């Protein structure tokens, strides 16, 4: 029995009975400023997560000192927003690095289970119309349902040294395909693609493509940059604009598409575990993908709680698309016709 007791009480041995742990620590005892500086989010947001995830994080355990949902959530937020277990988080929470790692894993899976609840395209016509109007208000681009792009997140080399995760810069990464609305709310996030895949290949194989080609929104389109092929539901810029209408179209396209670049910068700044400044994600590709998706869920929840998407400073080294833009004009005559009609109707 001596060995199990030593394992169960590892945190007690590390910190002693007099150390203040979060089982005794109450959120209402500290200021929002402290919570934001230490865990990245204010009290109201953290309390919402406790309500949202509490039942999942309270699953039965054989441990005599099970960690509370509140403690698990704060440990995970501390990692997501700092990018490290080696911070004052462990001291503030009163748990070991190993316990923090378990907390991150538990909270990550709980958030991933709820991804479809918080990341999705609107379905009712009124919300879709509002989505288009909000995009139109940015730069006069009509019919836009979202802006799409890819971004790379660095990961450690997989144990099998799978070369499919080596990107064009020679680094191991995941290529993440995302779509956002005019406020930066994510409407789609596919975070599992190997870094060696070009953006156009990711889109070709993505669930997003199947979603748009088979069932979703026949009266609008996404905006993508020159790394993607033109499609009837995906408007790309003209490679060499020649007429005033084509220049106006490209300018409106660029100004509107910039929303997702700003969104990537905000996610990178808010969730430092993704930005590369603390090194690569030290997990398998699958677990790294789940951490990225969990941060995407938290990003959307933060917007629901009024935390300004553009408020965080742009820092770090989260990789943007690896593409060297080439002329990728579609041979899809119907897609070309749709873009030409858009040019004539709205930009001539």
Foldseek 3Di string as FASTA:
>chain_A
DVVVVCVLCVLCVVQPPPQDAVVNPDLVVDAQVVLCVQQNGGDVLLVVLCVLCQVQQPPDDPRPCRDHLSLLSSLLSNCQQPQDLPDCSCSHRSGDSVVSVVSNLSLLVSLLVCLVVQAAFDDDPVVQVVLQVLLCVQQNQGQARWAKFKFWFFADQAPVNDCQQQAPVRGGTWIKIWIATQQLQTNDIDTQHRRHDAPQRCCVPDPVVVCVVPPDDQRGAYEYELSHEQDLRYDYQDPDDDDQLSVSVNVSSVSSNCSNVLSVQLLCNRGVSGQQPSHHHHDHSVSVSSSVSSSSSSLSVCVVVVDRSNPGDGDGHGGGGPDPRDRRYDPPVVSVVSVVVSSVPRRD
